Amino acid sequence: MSDVANTRKQLRIKAGSAKRLYKEQRMYQKEQEDLQRKLDKHIAEKAEDWDINNTGRMLAESGKMITDASTRLGAVVQELRELVLVAEQNPELSEAEELVKARETLEEVSV
């Protein structure tokens, strides 16, 4: 496989990974917010200890997953940025669809 074809393939793969991890991170953040509301509700209603403790454990697990997803997202975004820089220096890829989509993905996932 030529360098150009390989770079195009890597741009597609890394952009897809970045989008997936960004979506996963947002999902875990929403889950954490929902669980926090649920925990507050259980505490306000003086629910059973098991319900409060279980919701607390689930909330802690969501926090760990957010950290993990953020770490993985950061690594993939960094790899994608480096790959975009390499692709921009190649005249054959300067207007490639994969490069345009990779740039759009970087704009979308970079907060």
PDB file of N, CA and C in Angstrom:
ATOM      1  N   MET A   1       0.855  -1.179   0.000  1.00  0.00           N
ATOM      2  CA  MET A   1       0.000   0.000   0.000  1.00  0.00           C
ATOM      3  C   MET A   1       0.896   1.235   0.000  1.00  0.00           C
ATOM      4  N   SER A   2       0.583   2.189  -0.833  1.00  0.00           N
ATOM      5  CA  SER A   2       1.403   3.394  -0.923  1.00  0.00           C
ATOM      6  C   SER A   2       1.218   4.264   0.323  1.00  0.00           C
ATOM      7  N   ASP A   3       2.143   5.189   0.482  1.00  0.00           N
ATOM      8  CA  ASP A   3       2.064   6.100   1.629  1.00  0.00           C
ATOM      9  C   ASP A   3       0.783   6.920   1.610  1.00  0.00           C
ATOM     10  N   VAL A   4       0.390   7.367   0.417  1.00  0.00           N
ATOM     11  CA  VAL A   4      -0.818   8.189   0.294  1.00  0.00           C
ATOM     12  C   VAL A   4      -2.046   7.375   0.690  1.00  0.00           C
ATOM     13  N   ALA A   5      -2.141   6.165   0.179  1.00  0.00           N
ATOM     14  CA  ALA A   5      -3.291   5.319   0.505  1.00  0.00           C
ATOM     15  C   ALA A   5      -3.300   4.971   1.988  1.00  0.00           C
ATOM     16  N   ASN A   6      -2.138   4.707   2.540  1.00  0.00           N
ATOM     17  CA  ASN A   6      -2.038   4.384   3.958  1.00  0.00           C
ATOM     18  C   ASN A   6      -2.431   5.588   4.821  1.00  0.00           C
ATOM     19  N   THR A   7      -1.993   6.767   4.426  1.00  0.00           N
ATOM     20  CA  THR A   7      -2.346   7.982   5.170  1.00  0.00           C
ATOM     21  C   THR A   7      -3.847   8.235   5.109  1.00  0.00           C
ATOM     22  N   ARG A   8      -4.438   8.046   3.936  1.00  0.00           N
ATOM     23  CA  ARG A   8      -5.897   8.207   3.810  1.00  0.00           C
ATOM     24  C   ARG A   8      -6.623   7.243   4.745  1.00  0.00           C
ATOM     25  N   LYS A   9      -6.174   6.004   4.758  1.00  0.00           N
ATOM     26  CA  LYS A   9      -6.796   4.982   5.613  1.00  0.00           C
ATOM     27  C   LYS A   9      -6.664   5.363   7.086  1.00  0.00           C
ATOM     28  N   GLN A  10      -5.476   5.796   7.486  1.00  0.00           N
ATOM     29  CA  GLN A  10      -5.251   6.177   8.882  1.00  0.00           C
ATOM     30  C   GLN A  10      -6.085   7.397   9.266  1.00  0.00           C
ATOM     31  N   LEU A  11      -6.254   8.333   8.344  1.00  0.00           N
ATOM     32  CA  LEU A  11      -7.107   9.499   8.624  1.00  0.00           C
ATOM     33  C   LEU A  11      -8.541   9.059   8.898  1.00  0.00           C
ATOM     34  N   ARG A  12      -9.058   8.141   8.072  1.00  0.00           N
ATOM     35  CA  ARG A  12     -10.423   7.630   8.283  1.00  0.00           C
ATOM     36  C   ARG A  12     -10.532   6.915   9.626  1.00  0.00           C
ATOM     37  N   ILE A  13      -9.558   6.070   9.936  1.00  0.00           N
ATOM     38  CA  ILE A  13      -9.598   5.285  11.176  1.00  0.00           C
ATOM     39  C   ILE A  13      -9.527   6.198  12.399  1.00  0.00           C
ATOM     40  N   LYS A  14      -8.560   7.103  12.402  1.00  0.00           N
ATOM     41  CA  LYS A  14      -8.373   7.988  13.568  1.00  0.00           C
ATOM     42  C   LYS A  14      -9.552   8.942  13.736  1.00  0.00           C
ATOM     43  N   ALA A  15     -10.106   9.446  12.638  1.00  0.00           N
ATOM     44  CA  ALA A  15     -11.262  10.343  12.736  1.00  0.00           C
ATOM     45  C   ALA A  15     -12.462   9.583  13.291  1.00  0.00           C
ATOM     46  N   GLY A  16     -12.662   8.360  12.835  1.00  0.00           N
ATOM     47  CA  GLY A  16     -13.760   7.538  13.353  1.00  0.00           C
ATOM     48  C   GLY A  16     -13.590   7.224  14.830  1.00  0.00           C
ATOM     49  N   SER A  17     -12.368   6.917  15.228  1.00  0.00           N
ATOM     50  CA  SER A  17     -12.097   6.636  16.640  1.00  0.00           C
ATOM     51  C   SER A  17     -12.355   7.863  17.502  1.00  0.00           C
ATOM     52  N   ALA A  18     -11.928   9.017  17.019  1.00  0.00           N
ATOM     53  CA  ALA A  18     -12.128  10.252  17.784  1.00  0.00           C
ATOM     54  C   ALA A  18     -13.621  10.546  17.954  1.00  0.00           C
ATOM     55  N   LYS A  19     -14.392  10.374  16.886  1.00  0.00           N
ATOM     56  CA  LYS A  19     -15.837  10.614  16.984  1.00  0.00           C
ATOM     57  C   LYS A  19     -16.483   9.645  17.974  1.00  0.00           C
ATOM     58  N   ARG A  20     -16.100   8.373  17.893  1.00  0.00           N
ATOM     59  CA  ARG A  20     -16.676   7.354  18.773  1.00  0.00           C
ATOM     60  C   ARG A  20     -16.339   7.648  20.232  1.00  0.00           C
ATOM     61  N   LEU A  21     -15.082   7.979  20.513  1.00  0.00           N
ATOM     62  CA  LEU A  21     -14.678   8.251  21.889  1.00  0.00           C
ATOM     63  C   LEU A  21     -15.316   9.533  22.421  1.00  0.00           C
ATOM     64  N   TYR A  22     -15.502  10.527  21.566  1.00  0.00           N
ATOM     65  CA  TYR A  22     -16.161  11.762  21.976  1.00  0.00           C
ATOM     66  C   TYR A  22     -17.614  11.479  22.355  1.00  0.00           C
ATOM     67  N   LYS A  23     -18.264  10.671  21.536  1.00  0.00           N
ATOM     68  CA  LYS A  23     -19.655  10.291  21.818  1.00  0.00           C
ATOM     69  C   LYS A  23     -19.736   9.488  23.117  1.00  0.00           C
ATOM     70  N   GLU A  24     -18.791   8.585  23.308  1.00  0.00           N
ATOM     71  CA  GLU A  24     -18.756   7.774  24.528  1.00  0.00           C
ATOM     72  C   GLU A  24     -18.555   8.658  25.759  1.00  0.00           C
ATOM     73  N   GLN A  25     -17.648   9.605  25.674  1.00  0.00           N
ATOM     74  CA  GLN A  25     -17.394  10.507  26.793  1.00  0.00           C
ATOM     75  C   GLN A  25     -18.637  11.319  27.137  1.00  0.00           C
ATOM     76  N   ARG A  26     -19.313  11.851  26.120  1.00  0.00           N
ATOM     77  CA  ARG A  26     -20.546  12.619  26.362  1.00  0.00           C
ATOM     78  C   ARG A  26     -21.616  11.745  27.007  1.00  0.00           C
ATOM     79  N   MET A  27     -21.709  10.489  26.566  1.00  0.00           N
ATOM     80  CA  MET A  27     -22.703   9.573  27.127  1.00  0.00           C
ATOM     81  C   MET A  27     -22.431   9.338  28.625  1.00  0.00           C
ATOM     82  N   TYR A  28     -21.166   9.119  28.978  1.00  0.00           N
ATOM     83  CA  TYR A  28     -20.831   8.904  30.384  1.00  0.00           C
ATOM     84  C   TYR A  28     -21.069  10.163  31.224  1.00  0.00           C
ATOM     85  N   GLN A  29     -20.825  11.337  30.649  1.00  0.00           N
ATOM     86  CA  GLN A  29     -21.092  12.576  31.378  1.00  0.00           C
ATOM     87  C   GLN A  29     -22.584  12.736  31.643  1.00  0.00           C
ATOM     88  N   LYS A  30     -23.403  12.419  30.649  1.00  0.00           N
ATOM     89  CA  LYS A  30     -24.851  12.489  30.835  1.00  0.00           C
ATOM     90  C   LYS A  30     -25.293  11.479  31.887  1.00  0.00           C
ATOM     91  N   GLU A  31     -24.731  10.279  31.824  1.00  0.00           N
ATOM     92  CA  GLU A  31     -25.065   9.247  32.807  1.00  0.00           C
ATOM     93  C   GLU A  31     -24.702   9.709  34.218  1.00  0.00           C
ATOM     94  N   GLN A  32     -23.545  10.344  34.352  1.00  0.00           N
ATOM     95  CA  GLN A  32     -23.123  10.830  35.657  1.00  0.00           C
ATOM     96  C   GLN A  32     -24.086  11.898  36.183  1.00  0.00           C
ATOM     97  N   GLU A  33     -24.518  12.791  35.328  1.00  0.00           N
ATOM     98  CA  GLU A  33     -25.472  13.816  35.743  1.00  0.00           C
ATOM     99  C   GLU A  33     -26.785  13.181  36.190  1.00  0.00           C
ATOM    100  N   ASP A  34     -27.259  12.202  35.413  1.00  0.00           N
ATOM    101  CA  ASP A  34     -28.507  11.510  35.766  1.00  0.00           C
ATOM    102  C   ASP A  34     -28.374  10.780  37.103  1.00  0.00           C
ATOM    103  N   LEU A  35     -27.252  10.110  37.302  1.00  0.00           N
ATOM    104  CA  LEU A  35     -27.040   9.376  38.556  1.00  0.00           C
ATOM    105  C   LEU A  35     -26.920  10.322  39.749  1.00  0.00           C
ATOM    106  N   GLN A  36     -26.319  11.492  39.526  1.00  0.00           N
ATOM    107  CA  GLN A  36     -26.212  12.459  40.612  1.00  0.00           C
ATOM    108  C   GLN A  36     -27.597  12.947  41.021  1.00  0.00           C
ATOM    109  N   ARG A  37     -28.463  13.201  40.032  1.00  0.00           N
ATOM    110  CA  ARG A  37     -29.840  13.609  40.351  1.00  0.00           C
ATOM    111  C   ARG A  37     -30.567  12.487  41.100  1.00  0.00           C
ATOM    112  N   LYS A  38     -30.345  11.255  40.643  1.00  0.00           N
ATOM    113  CA  LYS A  38     -30.988  10.107  41.281  1.00  0.00           C
ATOM    114  C   LYS A  38     -30.501   9.948  42.721  1.00  0.00           C
ATOM    115  N   LEU A  39     -29.204  10.120  42.938  1.00  0.00           N
ATOM    116  CA  LEU A  39     -28.649  10.013  44.288  1.00  0.00           C
ATOM    117  C   LEU A  39     -29.212  11.104  45.181  1.00  0.00           C
ATOM    118  N   ASP A  40     -29.275  12.339  44.672  1.00  0.00           N
ATOM    119  CA  ASP A  40     -29.834  13.439  45.452  1.00  0.00           C
ATOM    120  C   ASP A  40     -31.294  13.163  45.810  1.00  0.00           C
ATOM    121  N   LYS A  41     -32.027  12.589  44.871  1.00  0.00           N
ATOM    122  CA  LYS A  41     -33.424  12.246  45.111  1.00  0.00           C
ATOM    123  C   LYS A  41     -33.542  11.178  46.198  1.00  0.00           C
ATOM    124  N   HIS A  42     -32.698  10.145  46.111  1.00  0.00           N
ATOM    125  CA  HIS A  42     -32.718   9.091  47.135  1.00  0.00           C
ATOM    126  C   HIS A  42     -32.411   9.655  48.524  1.00  0.00           C
ATOM    127  N   ILE A  43     -31.450  10.547  48.585  1.00  0.00           N
ATOM    128  CA  ILE A  43     -31.079  11.132  49.876  1.00  0.00           C
ATOM    129  C   ILE A  43     -32.217  12.004  50.402  1.00  0.00           C
ATOM    130  N   ALA A  44     -32.815  12.810  49.532  1.00  0.00           N
ATOM    131  CA  ALA A  44     -33.911  13.690  49.945  1.00  0.00           C
ATOM    132  C   ALA A  44     -35.117  12.893  50.419  1.00  0.00           C
ATOM    133  N   GLU A  45     -35.380  11.752  49.772  1.00  0.00           N
ATOM    134  CA  GLU A  45     -36.533  10.932  50.143  1.00  0.00           C
ATOM    135  C   GLU A  45     -36.212   9.910  51.229  1.00  0.00           C
ATOM    136  N   LYS A  46     -34.979   9.966  51.725  1.00  0.00           N
ATOM    137  CA  LYS A  46     -34.524   9.029  52.766  1.00  0.00           C
ATOM    138  C   LYS A  46     -34.787   7.575  52.337  1.00  0.00           C
ATOM    139  N   ALA A  47     -34.301   7.270  51.137  1.00  0.00           N
ATOM    140  CA  ALA A  47     -34.463   5.923  50.584  1.00  0.00           C
ATOM    141  C   ALA A  47     -33.621   4.933  51.384  1.00  0.00           C
ATOM    142  N   GLU A  48     -33.768   3.664  51.072  1.00  0.00           N
ATOM    143  CA  GLU A  48     -33.008   2.630  51.765  1.00  0.00           C
ATOM    144  C   GLU A  48     -31.513   2.827  51.523  1.00  0.00           C
ATOM    145  N   ASP A  49     -30.739   2.402  52.517  1.00  0.00           N
ATOM    146  CA  ASP A  49     -29.286   2.548  52.417  1.00  0.00           C
ATOM    147  C   ASP A  49     -28.741   1.848  51.178  1.00  0.00           C
ATOM    148  N   TRP A  50     -29.303   0.685  50.859  1.00  0.00           N
ATOM    149  CA  TRP A  50     -28.802  -0.063  49.699  1.00  0.00           C
ATOM    150  C   TRP A  50     -28.958   0.771  48.429  1.00  0.00           C
ATOM    151  N   ASP A  51     -30.105   1.427  48.262  1.00  0.00           N
ATOM    152  CA  ASP A  51     -30.330   2.256  47.071  1.00  0.00           C
ATOM    153  C   ASP A  51     -29.323   3.402  46.994  1.00  0.00           C
ATOM    154  N   ILE A  52     -29.101   4.044  48.122  1.00  0.00           N
ATOM    155  CA  ILE A  52     -28.162   5.173  48.164  1.00  0.00           C
ATOM    156  C   ILE A  52     -26.743   4.695  47.859  1.00  0.00           C
ATOM    157  N   ASN A  53     -26.329   3.606  48.526  1.00  0.00           N
ATOM    158  CA  ASN A  53     -24.975   3.088  48.318  1.00  0.00           C
ATOM    159  C   ASN A  53     -24.772   2.589  46.886  1.00  0.00           C
ATOM    160  N   ASN A  54     -25.768   1.901  46.343  1.00  0.00           N
ATOM    161  CA  ASN A  54     -25.651   1.376  44.990  1.00  0.00           C
ATOM    162  C   ASN A  54     -25.569   2.504  43.968  1.00  0.00           C
ATOM    163  N   THR A  55     -26.386   3.517  44.138  1.00  0.00           N
ATOM    164  CA  THR A  55     -26.337   4.662  43.230  1.00  0.00           C
ATOM    165  C   THR A  55     -24.996   5.370  43.352  1.00  0.00           C
ATOM    166  N   GLY A  56     -24.468   5.462  44.559  1.00  0.00           N
ATOM    167  CA  GLY A  56     -23.149   6.070  44.774  1.00  0.00           C
ATOM    168  C   GLY A  56     -22.048   5.288  44.075  1.00  0.00           C
ATOM    169  N   ARG A  57     -22.130   3.952  44.145  1.00  0.00           N
ATOM    170  CA  ARG A  57     -21.136   3.122  43.459  1.00  0.00           C
ATOM    171  C   ARG A  57     -21.227   3.303  41.940  1.00  0.00           C
ATOM    172  N   MET A  58     -22.447   3.353  41.432  1.00  0.00           N
ATOM    173  CA  MET A  58     -22.631   3.546  39.993  1.00  0.00           C
ATOM    174  C   MET A  58     -22.099   4.919  39.562  1.00  0.00           C
ATOM    175  N   LEU A  59     -22.297   5.928  40.404  1.00  0.00           N
ATOM    176  CA  LEU A  59     -21.805   7.272  40.118  1.00  0.00           C
ATOM    177  C   LEU A  59     -20.278   7.284  40.081  1.00  0.00           C
ATOM    178  N   ALA A  60     -19.655   6.585  41.021  1.00  0.00           N
ATOM    179  CA  ALA A  60     -18.197   6.508  41.053  1.00  0.00           C
ATOM    180  C   ALA A  60     -17.668   5.798  39.802  1.00  0.00           C
ATOM    181  N   GLU A  61     -18.343   4.743  39.402  1.00  0.00           N
ATOM    182  CA  GLU A  61     -17.932   4.005  38.202  1.00  0.00           C
ATOM    183  C   GLU A  61     -18.047   4.881  36.961  1.00  0.00           C
ATOM    184  N   SER A  62     -19.099   5.685  36.875  1.00  0.00           N
ATOM    185  CA  SER A  62     -19.243   6.606  35.749  1.00  0.00           C
ATOM    186  C   SER A  62     -18.097   7.604  35.725  1.00  0.00           C
ATOM    187  N   GLY A  63     -17.701   8.080  36.890  1.00  0.00           N
ATOM    188  CA  GLY A  63     -16.574   9.010  36.975  1.00  0.00           C
ATOM    189  C   GLY A  63     -15.292   8.382  36.455  1.00  0.00           C
ATOM    190  N   LYS A  64     -15.077   7.119  36.790  1.00  0.00           N
ATOM    191  CA  LYS A  64     -13.886   6.408  36.296  1.00  0.00           C
ATOM    192  C   LYS A  64     -13.938   6.247  34.782  1.00  0.00           C
ATOM    193  N   MET A  65     -15.125   5.975  34.261  1.00  0.00           N
ATOM    194  CA  MET A  65     -15.268   5.783  32.816  1.00  0.00           C
ATOM    195  C   MET A  65     -15.063   7.101  32.068  1.00  0.00           C
ATOM    196  N   ILE A  66     -15.480   8.211  32.659  1.00  0.00           N
ATOM    197  CA  ILE A  66     -15.259   9.520  32.038  1.00  0.00           C
ATOM    198  C   ILE A  66     -13.760   9.793  31.951  1.00  0.00           C
ATOM    199  N   THR A  67     -13.050   9.498  33.041  1.00  0.00           N
ATOM    200  CA  THR A  67     -11.603   9.699  33.054  1.00  0.00           C
ATOM    201  C   THR A  67     -10.934   8.842  31.987  1.00  0.00           C
ATOM    202  N   ASP A  68     -11.340   7.575  31.910  1.00  0.00           N
ATOM    203  CA  ASP A  68     -10.767   6.660  30.930  1.00  0.00           C
ATOM    204  C   ASP A  68     -11.056   7.120  29.502  1.00  0.00           C
ATOM    205  N   ALA A  69     -12.306   7.475  29.231  1.00  0.00           N
ATOM    206  CA  ALA A  69     -12.681   7.921  27.888  1.00  0.00           C
ATOM    207  C   ALA A  69     -11.950   9.213  27.517  1.00  0.00           C
ATOM    208  N   SER A  70     -11.793  10.109  28.481  1.00  0.00           N
ATOM    209  CA  SER A  70     -11.091  11.365  28.217  1.00  0.00           C
ATOM    210  C   SER A  70      -9.622  11.119  27.881  1.00  0.00           C
ATOM    211  N   THR A  71      -9.002  10.204  28.599  1.00  0.00           N
ATOM    212  CA  THR A  71      -7.604   9.873  28.350  1.00  0.00           C
ATOM    213  C   THR A  71      -7.429   9.278  26.956  1.00  0.00           C
ATOM    214  N   ARG A  72      -8.295   8.328  26.624  1.00  0.00           N
ATOM    215  CA  ARG A  72      -8.212   7.701  25.306  1.00  0.00           C
ATOM    216  C   ARG A  72      -8.520   8.698  24.199  1.00  0.00           C
ATOM    217  N   LEU A  73      -9.509   9.567  24.422  1.00  0.00           N
ATOM    218  CA  LEU A  73      -9.853  10.585  23.435  1.00  0.00           C
ATOM    219  C   LEU A  73      -8.677  11.530  23.210  1.00  0.00           C
ATOM    220  N   GLY A  74      -8.046  11.952  24.284  1.00  0.00           N
ATOM    221  CA  GLY A  74      -6.886  12.846  24.163  1.00  0.00           C
ATOM    222  C   GLY A  74      -5.772  12.226  23.338  1.00  0.00           C
ATOM    223  N   ALA A  75      -5.518  10.942  23.543  1.00  0.00           N
ATOM    224  CA  ALA A  75      -4.468  10.260  22.792  1.00  0.00           C
ATOM    225  C   ALA A  75      -4.815  10.174  21.309  1.00  0.00           C
ATOM    226  N   VAL A  76      -6.060   9.826  21.009  1.00  0.00           N
ATOM    227  CA  VAL A  76      -6.474   9.697  19.606  1.00  0.00           C
ATOM    228  C   VAL A  76      -6.481  11.059  18.917  1.00  0.00           C
ATOM    229  N   VAL A  77      -6.921  12.088  19.617  1.00  0.00           N
ATOM    230  CA  VAL A  77      -6.938  13.432  19.027  1.00  0.00           C
ATOM    231  C   VAL A  77      -5.514  13.889  18.725  1.00  0.00           C
ATOM    232  N   GLN A  78      -4.591  13.601  19.631  1.00  0.00           N
ATOM    233  CA  GLN A  78      -3.191  13.979  19.392  1.00  0.00           C
ATOM    234  C   GLN A  78      -2.636  13.247  18.170  1.00  0.00           C
ATOM    235  N   GLU A  79      -2.917  11.960  18.063  1.00  0.00           N
ATOM    236  CA  GLU A  79      -2.467  11.186  16.900  1.00  0.00           C
ATOM    237  C   GLU A  79      -3.090  11.732  15.615  1.00  0.00           C
ATOM    238  N   LEU A  80      -4.364  12.082  15.676  1.00  0.00           N
ATOM    239  CA  LEU A  80      -5.053  12.623  14.501  1.00  0.00           C
ATOM    240  C   LEU A  80      -4.454  13.969  14.099  1.00  0.00           C
ATOM    241  N   ARG A  81      -4.149  14.819  15.078  1.00  0.00           N
ATOM    242  CA  ARG A  81      -3.531  16.120  14.761  1.00  0.00           C
ATOM    243  C   ARG A  81      -2.199  15.924  14.042  1.00  0.00           C
ATOM    244  N   GLU A  82      -1.395  15.003  14.569  1.00  0.00           N
ATOM    245  CA  GLU A  82      -0.097  14.741  13.951  1.00  0.00           C
ATOM    246  C   GLU A  82      -0.268  14.206  12.535  1.00  0.00           C
ATOM    247  N   LEU A  83      -1.236  13.331  12.351  1.00  0.00           N
ATOM    248  CA  LEU A  83      -1.494  12.759  11.036  1.00  0.00           C
ATOM    249  C   LEU A  83      -1.998  13.827  10.060  1.00  0.00           C
ATOM    250  N   VAL A  84      -2.830  14.735  10.540  1.00  0.00           N
ATOM    251  CA  VAL A  84      -3.318  15.835   9.695  1.00  0.00           C
ATOM    252  C   VAL A  84      -2.149  16.717   9.261  1.00  0.00           C
ATOM    253  N   LEU A  85      -1.225  16.997  10.171  1.00  0.00           N
ATOM    254  CA  LEU A  85      -0.059  17.812   9.815  1.00  0.00           C
ATOM    255  C   LEU A  85       0.773  17.134   8.729  1.00  0.00           C
ATOM    256  N   VAL A  86       0.960  15.830   8.861  1.00  0.00           N
ATOM    257  CA  VAL A  86       1.710  15.074   7.852  1.00  0.00           C
ATOM    258  C   VAL A  86       0.963  15.112   6.517  1.00  0.00           C
ATOM    259  N   ALA A  87      -0.346  14.904   6.560  1.00  0.00           N
ATOM    260  CA  ALA A  87      -1.149  14.876   5.337  1.00  0.00           C
ATOM    261  C   ALA A  87      -1.170  16.243   4.658  1.00  0.00           C
ATOM    262  N   GLU A  88      -1.175  17.319   5.430  1.00  0.00           N
ATOM    263  CA  GLU A  88      -1.202  18.658   4.847  1.00  0.00           C
ATOM    264  C   GLU A  88       0.077  18.971   4.076  1.00  0.00           C
ATOM    265  N   GLN A  89       1.164  18.325   4.438  1.00  0.00           N
ATOM    266  CA  GLN A  89       2.436  18.563   3.754  1.00  0.00           C
ATOM    267  C   GLN A  89       2.544  17.784   2.452  1.00  0.00           C
ATOM    268  N   ASN A  90       1.649  16.840   2.250  1.00  0.00           N
ATOM    269  CA  ASN A  90       1.661  16.038   1.031  1.00  0.00           C
ATOM    270  C   ASN A  90       0.729  16.681   0.009  1.00  0.00           C
ATOM    271  N   PRO A  91       1.258  17.111  -1.134  1.00  0.00           N
ATOM    272  CA  PRO A  91       0.408  17.797  -2.129  1.00  0.00           C
ATOM    273  C   PRO A  91      -0.719  16.914  -2.671  1.00  0.00           C
ATOM    274  N   GLU A  92      -0.526  15.596  -2.671  1.00  0.00           N
ATOM    275  CA  GLU A  92      -1.568  14.705  -3.176  1.00  0.00           C
ATOM    276  C   GLU A  92      -2.783  14.648  -2.250  1.00  0.00           C
ATOM    277  N   LEU A  93      -2.556  14.992  -0.986  1.00  0.00           N
ATOM    278  CA  LEU A  93      -3.635  14.896   0.004  1.00  0.00           C
ATOM    279  C   LEU A  93      -4.199  16.250   0.414  1.00  0.00           C
ATOM    280  N   SER A  94      -3.673  17.326  -0.141  1.00  0.00           N
ATOM    281  CA  SER A  94      -4.057  18.661   0.334  1.00  0.00           C
ATOM    282  C   SER A  94      -5.561  18.921   0.274  1.00  0.00           C
ATOM    283  N   GLU A  95      -6.260  18.340  -0.690  1.00  0.00           N
ATOM    284  CA  GLU A  95      -7.705  18.542  -0.813  1.00  0.00           C
ATOM    285  C   GLU A  95      -8.482  17.234  -0.696  1.00  0.00           C
ATOM    286  N   ALA A  96      -7.863  16.223  -0.111  1.00  0.00           N
ATOM    287  CA  ALA A  96      -8.505  14.911   0.006  1.00  0.00           C
ATOM    288  C   ALA A  96      -9.706  14.975   0.939  1.00  0.00           C
ATOM    289  N   GLU A  97     -10.732  14.217   0.601  1.00  0.00           N
ATOM    290  CA  GLU A  97     -11.952  14.172   1.407  1.00  0.00           C
ATOM    291  C   GLU A  97     -11.651  13.708   2.836  1.00  0.00           C
ATOM    292  N   GLU A  98     -10.755  12.730   2.966  1.00  0.00           N
ATOM    293  CA  GLU A  98     -10.405  12.211   4.293  1.00  0.00           C
ATOM    294  C   GLU A  98      -9.766  13.290   5.164  1.00  0.00           C
ATOM    295  N   LEU A  99      -8.937  14.129   4.547  1.00  0.00           N
ATOM    296  CA  LEU A  99      -8.291  15.208   5.287  1.00  0.00           C
ATOM    297  C   LEU A  99      -9.315  16.253   5.732  1.00  0.00           C
ATOM    298  N   VAL A 100     -10.230  16.587   4.867  1.00  0.00           N
ATOM    299  CA  VAL A 100     -11.280  17.554   5.208  1.00  0.00           C
ATOM    300  C   VAL A 100     -12.118  17.013   6.375  1.00  0.00           C
ATOM    301  N   LYS A 101     -12.507  15.747   6.288  1.00  0.00           N
ATOM    302  CA  LYS A 101     -13.300  15.150   7.366  1.00  0.00           C
ATOM    303  C   LYS A 101     -12.507  15.067   8.661  1.00  0.00           C
ATOM    304  N   ALA A 102     -11.217  14.791   8.570  1.00  0.00           N
ATOM    305  CA  ALA A 102     -10.379  14.729   9.769  1.00  0.00           C
ATOM    306  C   ALA A 102     -10.307  16.100  10.447  1.00  0.00           C
ATOM    307  N   ARG A 103     -10.177  17.150   9.637  1.00  0.00           N
ATOM    308  CA  ARG A 103     -10.173  18.510  10.206  1.00  0.00           C
ATOM    309  C   ARG A 103     -11.501  18.827  10.893  1.00  0.00           C
ATOM    310  N   GLU A 104     -12.603  18.448  10.235  1.00  0.00           N
ATOM    311  CA  GLU A 104     -13.922  18.676  10.826  1.00  0.00           C
ATOM    312  C   GLU A 104     -14.062  17.919  12.151  1.00  0.00           C
ATOM    313  N   THR A 105     -13.565  16.709  12.176  1.00  0.00           N
ATOM    314  CA  THR A 105     -13.622  15.911  13.404  1.00  0.00           C
ATOM    315  C   THR A 105     -12.819  16.570  14.510  1.00  0.00           C
ATOM    316  N   LEU A 106     -11.644  17.077  14.180  1.00  0.00           N
ATOM    317  CA  LEU A 106     -10.826  17.765  15.182  1.00  0.00           C
ATOM    318  C   LEU A 106     -11.551  18.984  15.741  1.00  0.00           C
ATOM    319  N   GLU A 107     -12.222  19.733  14.878  1.00  0.00           N
ATOM    320  CA  GLU A 107     -12.976  20.902  15.344  1.00  0.00           C
ATOM    321  C   GLU A 107     -14.127  20.474  16.252  1.00  0.00           C
ATOM    322  N   GLU A 108     -14.765  19.373  15.898  1.00  0.00           N
ATOM    323  CA  GLU A 108     -15.923  18.885  16.662  1.00  0.00           C
ATOM    324  C   GLU A 108     -15.524  18.392  18.049  1.00  0.00           C
ATOM    325  N   VAL A 109     -14.441  17.625  18.125  1.00  0.00           N
ATOM    326  CA  VAL A 109     -14.098  16.984  19.402  1.00  0.00           C
ATOM    327  C   VAL A 109     -13.188  17.828  20.272  1.00  0.00           C
ATOM    328  N   SER A 110     -12.569  18.865  19.717  1.00  0.00           N
ATOM    329  CA  SER A 110     -11.705  19.736  20.519  1.00  0.00           C
ATOM    330  C   SER A 110     -12.568  20.769  21.209  1.00  0.00           C
ATOM    331  N   VAL A 111     -12.565  20.710  22.508  1.00  0.00           N
ATOM    332  CA  VAL A 111     -13.415  21.616  23.292  1.00  0.00           C
ATOM    333  C   VAL A 111     -12.607  22.752  23.846  1.00  0.00           C
TER     334      VAL A 111
END
